[in-house]
Amino acid sequence: MPRAVRDAGDADRRRRRATVDVKEGLRAPSLQLSLLNRQVSTHLTLRDVDLDCLDLVNAHGPLSPSALARRAGLHAATMTGVLDRLERAGWVSREPDPSDRRGTRIRALRDRNAEDLAG
């Protein structure tokens, strides 16, 4: 086998091995983060998906429901249920969109978020 072909094969094997090593290295922290999120959502009596959406609103809000659904990777009908639960529990509010009189924006209620997420 020519040296160039052998070197290319060695480089491919090293690249695949490095990819596997990175994936294996990320597995444990990913699992621990998932477990932590579950504990937080249970403590706050939220579903995991509700907590994810609340985090997105806190980080990127205020957002329209459709923008939030896109960021969360959720169907619009699912987002309606999530927002109903978060609003009923006092985590978010739906407010008129100042740039579109037909639209709404989802805003995190900072007092509730600061109080419960800190403690």
Protein backbone atom coordinates (compact mmCIF):
# COMPACT_ATOMS: atom_id res chain seq x y z
CA MET A 1 0.00 0.00 0.00
CA PRO A 2 1.40 3.41 -0.91
CA ARG A 3 2.48 5.60 1.99
CA ALA A 4 0.05 8.45 1.12
CA VAL A 5 -2.93 6.07 1.23
CA ARG A 6 -1.75 4.55 4.50
CA ASP A 7 -1.23 8.04 6.02
CA ALA A 8 -4.70 9.13 4.92
CA GLY A 9 -6.21 6.00 6.50
CA ASP A 10 -4.31 6.65 9.73
CA ALA A 11 -5.57 10.24 9.80
CA ASP A 12 -9.16 9.05 9.28
CA ARG A 13 -8.83 6.53 12.13
CA ARG A 14 -7.36 9.20 14.46
CA ARG A 15 -10.18 11.60 13.56
CA ARG A 16 -12.84 8.94 14.22
CA ARG A 17 -11.16 8.00 17.52
CA ALA A 18 -11.04 11.66 18.58
CA THR A 19 -14.74 12.04 17.75
CA VAL A 20 -15.59 8.98 19.83
CA ASP A 21 -13.44 10.28 22.72
CA VAL A 22 -15.20 13.67 22.68
CA LYS A 23 -18.65 12.04 22.63
CA GLU A 24 -17.72 9.75 25.53
CA GLY A 25 -16.28 12.72 27.45
CA LEU A 26 -19.52 14.68 27.05
CA ARG A 27 -21.81 11.83 28.07
CA ALA A 28 -21.32 12.11 31.86
CA PRO A 29 -21.71 15.92 32.12
CA SER A 30 -24.74 15.77 29.84
CA LEU A 31 -26.36 13.14 32.04
CA GLN A 32 -25.59 15.12 35.21
CA LEU A 33 -27.06 18.29 33.70
CA SER A 34 -30.19 16.39 32.72
CA LEU A 35 -30.57 15.03 36.27
CA LEU A 36 -30.02 18.49 37.76
CA ASN A 37 -32.67 19.98 35.45
CA ARG A 38 -35.09 17.27 36.52
CA GLN A 39 -34.43 18.02 40.21
CA VAL A 40 -34.94 21.76 39.68
CA SER A 41 -38.15 21.26 37.70
CA THR A 42 -39.48 18.87 40.36
CA HIS A 43 -38.60 21.34 43.13
CA LEU A 44 -40.43 24.10 41.26
CA THR A 45 -43.32 21.76 40.33
CA LEU A 46 -42.71 22.32 36.64
CA ARG A 47 -42.43 19.82 33.83
CA ASP A 48 -39.00 19.52 32.23
CA VAL A 49 -40.28 21.13 29.01
CA ASP A 50 -41.82 23.99 31.03
CA LEU A 51 -38.47 24.68 32.70
CA ASP A 52 -36.70 24.59 29.32
CA CYS A 53 -39.15 27.15 27.90
CA LEU A 54 -38.88 29.32 31.01
CA ASP A 55 -35.08 29.28 30.62
CA LEU A 56 -35.45 30.36 26.99
CA VAL A 57 -37.78 33.23 27.90
CA ASN A 58 -35.39 34.34 30.65
CA ALA A 59 -32.43 34.21 28.26
CA HIS A 60 -34.02 35.59 25.08
CA GLY A 61 -37.35 37.15 26.04
CA PRO A 62 -39.69 38.66 25.60
CA LEU A 63 -40.57 36.32 22.73
CA SER A 64 -43.61 35.65 20.64
CA PRO A 65 -45.14 32.22 21.26
CA SER A 66 -44.10 31.09 17.77
CA ALA A 67 -40.50 32.28 18.27
CA LEU A 68 -40.38 30.44 21.59
CA ALA A 69 -41.78 27.30 19.97
CA ARG A 70 -39.09 27.47 17.27
CA ARG A 71 -36.30 27.94 19.81
CA ALA A 72 -37.63 25.08 21.95
CA GLY A 73 -38.28 22.81 18.97
CA LEU A 74 -41.93 22.39 19.94
CA HIS A 75 -45.16 22.33 17.99
CA ALA A 76 -47.40 25.38 18.42
CA ALA A 77 -50.15 23.34 20.10
CA THR A 78 -47.65 21.99 22.63
CA MET A 79 -46.39 25.51 23.29
CA THR A 80 -49.93 26.66 24.11
CA GLY A 81 -50.14 24.10 26.91
CA VAL A 82 -46.67 24.99 28.22
CA LEU A 83 -47.52 28.70 28.27
CA ASP A 84 -50.88 28.06 29.94
CA ARG A 85 -49.13 26.15 32.75
CA LEU A 86 -46.35 28.74 33.15
CA GLU A 87 -48.81 31.63 33.18
CA ARG A 88 -51.18 29.89 35.61
CA ALA A 89 -48.25 29.25 37.97
CA GLY A 90 -47.12 32.87 37.78
CA TRP A 91 -43.84 32.35 35.90
CA VAL A 92 -44.67 34.27 32.72
CA SER A 93 -47.18 36.75 31.38
CA ARG A 94 -48.64 37.21 27.93
CA GLU A 95 -48.51 40.85 26.87
CA PRO A 96 -49.54 42.68 23.70
CA ASP A 97 -46.78 42.96 21.11
CA PRO A 98 -46.08 46.69 20.71
CA SER A 99 -45.01 46.21 17.08
CA ASP A 100 -47.99 44.02 16.06
CA ARG A 101 -51.37 44.75 17.62
CA ARG A 102 -52.55 41.19 16.84
CA GLY A 103 -49.53 39.52 18.42
CA THR A 104 -48.44 38.71 21.94
CA ARG A 105 -45.11 38.48 23.68
CA ILE A 106 -44.16 36.13 26.49
CA ARG A 107 -42.33 37.84 29.32
CA ALA A 108 -40.80 36.20 32.37
CA LEU A 109 -42.08 37.61 35.64
CA ARG A 110 -38.76 38.61 37.15
CA ASP A 111 -39.96 38.79 40.77
CA ARG A 112 -41.16 35.18 40.73
CA ASN A 113 -38.16 33.94 38.77
CA ALA A 114 -35.61 35.68 41.00
CA GLU A 115 -37.35 34.54 44.19
CA ASP A 116 -37.86 30.87 43.34
CA LEU A 117 -34.86 30.15 41.15
CA ALA A 118 -32.45 31.60 43.71
CA GLY A 119 -33.83 29.70 46.67
